[in-house]
Structures are given as structure tokens and as C-alpha cells.
């Protein structure tokens, strides 16, 4: 499908407000980008309402680091904005924004009606219950990753040799490397790390590759 209904007051939705509070307009934009991908894939032969692009592809298309994409999508699944089960991400509630006027194909219209009837329970379930069900749908591996998340020690400081090497490799200034170090310390990693020098080295390389350096 080429379009879907977008409410003009969508920004005042409580769940989307939580997304903006936590991730700013980056998270808000990611939500609508994923909806666009899902709706664009809807056809007579595909009524799964599944997000077929993985975090790596979305990261490449949006310029958002793939770990942050995964983190934001998990948060939105917890809120009930998407459904997550068995590694699949869907948005059955998008059916509320589709109607028969969006296509002149008679058989496709009938399929949309059937899909709405089949998924009525998902679309009308109270938000609190939806959040609980979604949390139960998260895989065991995701839960383990959430429990194991860890930040870098506040006392961690890369060696002068490492800083000099990264400055030469990435053409970064001392203050830029310091900003990236503070940024890394604020980030929650999916698992406990031991070699923080290696983590910082990769963080700087990825940041200078994906992000535009500040003036």
C-alpha cells in the first residue's frame, strides 16, 4: 500500500510521548519510519504486518547505530506500539489506519475486512494488558541481555597511547575524543564488557563513521 492515515495529533499520544521523552525526535522518527516500511510491504500476498527489515538494515538507512535501533525497538515493543514474538516485529494495530478506500481491488478489500475481524482482539485489548503480553513475548535471550546490561566504570580512562592512536586514525581532536568517551560511559551495553579499551576503540571508529562531527 502506498499510504495510510496519520492522525494530526499523533504526537500527543501518551506512548509516543514516552518515546520522545526517552529518545527525542530520533525515536519518534524511527517509529514512523518502521510503520512506513510495514505499510509499504502490505499487499494481497502479504498481510503479515511484519517489519521485514532488521536492525542492521534500518541502521544503515537511518544512520542510527544498530544497537540503539535495537534498544529503541525493544522499548517500543514494551510500550505496546509494536508486537514482538519469536524474533518477529509486527504492528497489527496498523489495521485501524487502513480502510477499503485505499484500494480499488475488490478481493484486496475483502482481505482487509477479514484481517480486521481476525485481529480485533489485538486491536481493542487494553493498553496495560497489551504491554504485559508483549513483555511475555520477549525471547529469553532478550531478557538475559537486558539483565546483563552494564555501563563502563566512571573511573575508566583510555591510555594516552590509545588516544593518540585514535586521534591520528580518525582525525579527531582531543575534545571530540573526550565527548565520545563520556557518550560511551552513558551507554548501556547488552552484556558486561572486560576490555574497555577495545570497546572505546570500536565506539570511536563507529561514531566517526556514522556521525557528523560537531563544528
Protein backbone atom coordinates (compact mmCIF):
# COMPACT_ATOMS: atom_id res chain seq x y z
CA UNK A 1 0.00 0.00 0.00
CA UNK A 2 1.20 3.48 -0.83
CA UNK A 3 -0.29 5.44 2.08
CA UNK A 4 -2.05 5.17 5.44
CA UNK A 5 -3.89 7.52 7.79
CA UNK A 6 -1.73 9.63 10.08
CA UNK A 7 -3.58 11.49 12.84
CA UNK A 8 -2.57 15.14 13.16
CA UNK A 9 -2.47 14.81 16.97
CA UNK A 10 -0.38 11.61 16.97
CA UNK A 11 2.40 13.44 18.79
CA UNK A 12 0.20 13.82 21.87
CA UNK A 13 -0.29 10.05 22.21
CA UNK A 14 0.93 9.02 25.69
CA UNK A 15 3.09 6.16 24.40
CA UNK A 16 4.73 8.27 21.72
CA UNK A 17 5.34 10.98 24.30
CA UNK A 18 7.27 8.42 26.35
CA UNK A 19 9.31 7.58 23.25
CA UNK A 20 10.13 11.27 22.74
CA UNK A 21 11.00 11.77 26.40
CA UNK A 22 13.47 8.88 26.31
CA UNK A 23 14.86 9.12 22.76
CA UNK A 24 13.78 12.52 21.44
CA UNK A 25 12.75 13.03 17.83
CA UNK A 26 15.18 10.27 16.81
CA UNK A 27 12.90 7.71 18.46
CA UNK A 28 9.75 9.40 17.19
CA UNK A 29 11.10 9.38 13.64
CA UNK A 30 12.16 5.72 13.93
CA UNK A 31 8.61 4.76 14.94
CA UNK A 32 7.02 6.33 11.87
CA UNK A 33 9.80 5.08 9.59
CA UNK A 34 9.11 1.49 10.72
CA UNK A 35 5.37 1.97 10.18
CA UNK A 36 6.08 3.20 6.66
CA UNK A 37 8.18 0.10 5.98
CA UNK A 38 5.42 -2.19 7.28
CA UNK A 39 2.62 -0.49 5.31
CA UNK A 40 4.72 -0.36 2.14
CA UNK A 41 5.01 -4.15 2.32
CA UNK A 42 1.26 -4.78 2.66
CA UNK A 43 -0.29 -6.40 -0.41
CA UNK A 44 -2.69 -9.17 -1.40
CA UNK A 45 0.13 -11.66 -0.93
CA UNK A 46 1.42 -10.15 2.32
CA UNK A 47 -0.91 -9.39 5.21
CA UNK A 48 1.51 -10.31 7.98
CA UNK A 49 2.02 -6.66 9.07
CA UNK A 50 5.60 -7.65 9.82
CA UNK A 51 8.67 -5.42 9.84
CA UNK A 52 10.86 -7.33 7.41
CA UNK A 53 13.94 -5.08 7.75
CA UNK A 54 16.32 -5.96 10.57
CA UNK A 55 18.23 -3.55 12.83
CA UNK A 56 21.32 -3.62 10.61
CA UNK A 57 19.41 -2.50 7.50
CA UNK A 58 17.42 0.13 9.41
CA UNK A 59 20.67 1.38 10.95
CA UNK A 60 22.21 1.73 7.51
CA UNK A 61 19.16 3.54 6.11
CA UNK A 62 18.71 5.94 9.06
CA UNK A 63 22.29 6.47 10.25
CA UNK A 64 21.30 5.38 13.77
CA UNK A 65 23.70 2.87 15.36
CA UNK A 66 22.20 -0.63 15.14
CA UNK A 67 22.47 -1.24 18.91
CA UNK A 68 20.47 1.94 19.51
CA UNK A 69 17.91 0.82 16.91
CA UNK A 70 17.53 -2.47 18.81
CA UNK A 71 17.24 -0.64 22.12
CA UNK A 72 14.56 1.75 20.85
CA UNK A 73 12.56 -1.01 19.16
CA UNK A 74 12.60 -3.10 22.37
CA UNK A 75 11.35 -0.06 24.29
CA UNK A 76 8.52 0.49 21.78
CA UNK A 77 7.57 -3.18 21.96
CA UNK A 78 7.41 -2.87 25.76
CA UNK A 79 5.07 0.11 25.35
CA UNK A 80 2.81 -1.90 23.03
CA UNK A 81 3.45 0.23 19.94
CA UNK A 82 4.63 -2.93 18.19
CA UNK A 83 4.23 -6.65 18.88
CA UNK A 84 7.33 -8.78 19.31
CA UNK A 85 7.35 -12.56 19.32
CA UNK A 86 9.89 -15.16 18.21
CA UNK A 87 12.22 -12.54 16.81
CA UNK A 88 9.43 -11.07 14.63
CA UNK A 89 8.18 -7.49 14.98
CA UNK A 90 4.66 -6.72 13.79
CA UNK A 91 2.12 -3.92 14.11
CA UNK A 92 -1.35 -5.43 13.85
CA UNK A 93 -2.86 -2.21 15.16
CA UNK A 94 -1.94 -0.56 11.87
CA UNK A 95 -5.17 -2.13 10.61
CA UNK A 96 -7.00 0.68 12.39
CA UNK A 97 -5.41 3.09 9.94
CA UNK A 98 -6.33 1.10 6.84
CA UNK A 99 -9.71 1.06 5.13
CA UNK A 100 -11.18 -0.14 1.87
CA UNK A 101 -10.95 3.30 0.24
CA UNK A 102 -7.19 2.84 -0.01
CA UNK A 103 -7.52 0.28 -2.80
CA UNK A 104 -9.88 -0.31 -5.70
CA UNK A 105 -9.07 -4.02 -5.75
CA UNK A 106 -12.23 -5.82 -4.62
CA UNK A 107 -10.50 -9.00 -3.41
CA UNK A 108 -7.93 -6.93 -1.52
CA UNK A 109 -10.75 -5.01 0.20
CA UNK A 110 -12.33 -8.26 1.31
CA UNK A 111 -8.98 -9.47 2.63
CA UNK A 112 -8.60 -6.28 4.69
CA UNK A 113 -12.06 -6.81 6.20
CA UNK A 114 -11.20 -10.40 7.07
CA UNK A 115 -7.89 -9.34 8.61
CA UNK A 116 -9.63 -6.74 10.79
CA UNK A 117 -12.09 -9.34 12.05
CA UNK A 118 -9.27 -11.79 12.78
CA UNK A 119 -7.23 -9.24 14.72
CA UNK A 120 -10.00 -7.35 16.53
CA UNK A 121 -8.89 -8.76 19.89
CA UNK A 122 -5.38 -7.44 19.37
CA UNK A 123 -6.56 -4.00 18.29
CA UNK A 124 -9.03 -3.50 21.11
CA UNK A 125 -7.16 -5.05 24.06
CA UNK A 126 -6.46 -2.51 26.85
CA UNK A 127 -3.00 -0.93 26.68
CA UNK A 128 -1.94 -2.27 30.08
CA UNK A 129 -2.78 -5.84 29.09
CA UNK A 130 -1.05 -5.38 25.74
CA UNK A 131 2.11 -4.27 27.49
CA UNK A 132 2.04 -7.31 29.78
CA UNK A 133 1.53 -9.71 26.88
CA UNK A 134 4.31 -8.11 24.91
CA UNK A 135 6.73 -8.46 27.79
CA UNK A 136 5.89 -12.18 27.98
CA UNK A 137 6.55 -12.48 24.25
CA UNK A 138 10.14 -11.26 24.51
CA UNK A 139 12.60 -14.09 23.97
CA UNK A 140 14.65 -15.50 26.82
CA UNK A 141 17.77 -14.26 25.09
CA UNK A 142 16.45 -10.68 25.05
CA UNK A 143 15.66 -10.88 28.76
CA UNK A 144 19.14 -12.16 29.55
CA UNK A 145 20.66 -9.31 27.56
CA UNK A 146 18.52 -6.78 29.43
CA UNK A 147 19.58 -8.14 32.83
CA UNK A 148 23.25 -8.22 31.83
CA UNK A 149 23.50 -4.64 30.60
CA UNK A 150 26.37 -2.71 32.06
CA UNK A 151 27.96 0.71 31.73
CA UNK A 152 31.65 1.46 31.61
CA UNK A 153 33.18 2.32 35.01
CA UNK A 154 33.18 6.04 35.69
CA UNK A 155 36.87 5.69 36.57
CA UNK A 156 37.77 4.24 33.17
CA UNK A 157 40.25 6.38 31.24
CA UNK A 158 41.90 5.27 27.98
CA UNK A 159 45.68 5.42 27.85
CA UNK A 160 47.50 8.33 26.22
CA UNK A 161 48.81 5.92 23.60
CA UNK A 162 45.27 4.81 22.66
CA UNK A 163 44.02 8.40 22.49
CA UNK A 164 46.94 9.41 20.29
CA UNK A 165 46.37 6.42 18.01
CA UNK A 166 42.64 7.16 17.64
CA UNK A 167 43.28 10.87 17.07
CA UNK A 168 45.59 10.00 14.17
CA UNK A 169 43.34 7.28 12.76
CA UNK A 170 40.07 9.27 12.85
CA UNK A 171 41.48 12.79 12.57
CA UNK A 172 39.68 13.73 15.80
CA UNK A 173 40.53 16.43 18.30
CA UNK A 174 41.12 15.79 22.00
CA UNK A 175 37.79 17.38 22.95
CA UNK A 176 35.97 15.22 20.40
CA UNK A 177 37.50 12.04 21.81
CA UNK A 178 36.59 13.21 25.32
CA UNK A 179 32.96 13.77 24.22
CA UNK A 180 32.86 10.28 22.69
CA UNK A 181 34.30 8.83 25.90
CA UNK A 182 31.56 10.45 28.00
CA UNK A 183 28.97 9.31 25.47
CA UNK A 184 30.23 5.73 25.73
CA UNK A 185 30.12 5.86 29.54
CA UNK A 186 26.46 6.91 29.40
CA UNK A 187 25.58 3.99 27.10
CA UNK A 188 24.19 0.73 28.49
CA UNK A 189 25.76 -2.26 26.78
CA UNK A 190 23.90 -5.51 26.35
CA UNK A 191 26.47 -7.51 28.25
CA UNK A 192 29.26 -6.87 30.70
CA UNK A 193 32.48 -5.88 28.97
CA UNK A 194 36.02 -6.59 30.16
CA UNK A 195 38.26 -4.89 27.62
CA UNK A 196 37.05 -1.29 27.79
CA UNK A 197 39.94 -0.10 25.61
CA UNK A 198 38.61 -2.29 22.79
CA UNK A 199 35.06 -1.05 23.41
CA UNK A 200 36.18 2.58 23.29
CA UNK A 201 38.25 1.99 20.16
CA UNK A 202 35.23 0.50 18.35
CA UNK A 203 32.95 3.22 19.71
CA UNK A 204 35.15 5.97 18.28
CA UNK A 205 35.52 4.21 14.94
CA UNK A 206 31.76 3.69 14.59
CA UNK A 207 30.92 7.21 15.72
CA UNK A 208 33.31 8.86 13.31
CA UNK A 209 31.97 6.66 10.54
CA UNK A 210 28.22 7.21 11.14
CA UNK A 211 28.05 10.61 12.83
CA UNK A 212 28.94 14.04 11.59
CA UNK A 213 31.49 15.60 13.92
CA UNK A 214 30.36 18.85 15.62
CA UNK A 215 31.94 22.08 14.36
